[in-house]
């Protein structure tokens, strides 16, 4: 068992608060198992304790779930698969692709996709700005990755016209919002509720309109 009984209970309650089935508990634990194994060799995340990952990784990632929209999503700066892998486990029929230029992290993501049988997901092992815009996405996610203007510069070409960027932020990024380039409009700025996390989180929803 990866999690302590307390953390198991926390995860179940957190999933319920986010409107997700508690049946996700088992695949999420399996994901943490895989992450811990790879982390021992490849240092994918600074968080080493499985119980800490419940709130800081899993529930934090899944707090985006109510905002994800459309049939396709791309996550840039995917790192250790957060938020992309938990979201893909929650919505296995959506296309959720990932962009990660660091080789060891990209290999981990491919192994997670293989192990959890996520046939609608794939990994681009390059910088986001180098991903060809042959296919554009309904939704782009970015967690703890640069300023809003940087996120747009790196991945904006991957979002279809009328599509959205969901940017996860800590404090309210008022100055970043003022610095947005033309063609991007703020649809929503909301304080995110991450179950059991005593820290400030916000989501900024941008829409592409040309």
Foldseek 3Di string as FASTA:
>chain_A
DQDDPVLLVLLCVLCVVLVAHSVLSVVVSVLLVLVLVLCVPPVQDPDNHSSVCSQPAQLVQSLCVVVDDDQEEEEECCGQNGPNLSNCSRPLRGQYEYEAQDVSSQVNVVVSCVVVVSVSYHYHNRFQQPPDLPDAGQEYEYEPDDFPQVCCNRHVSRHDQFHKYKYKDFDDPVVSQVVHDPQKDWPDKAFGDRRPDPGTMIITIIGGHD
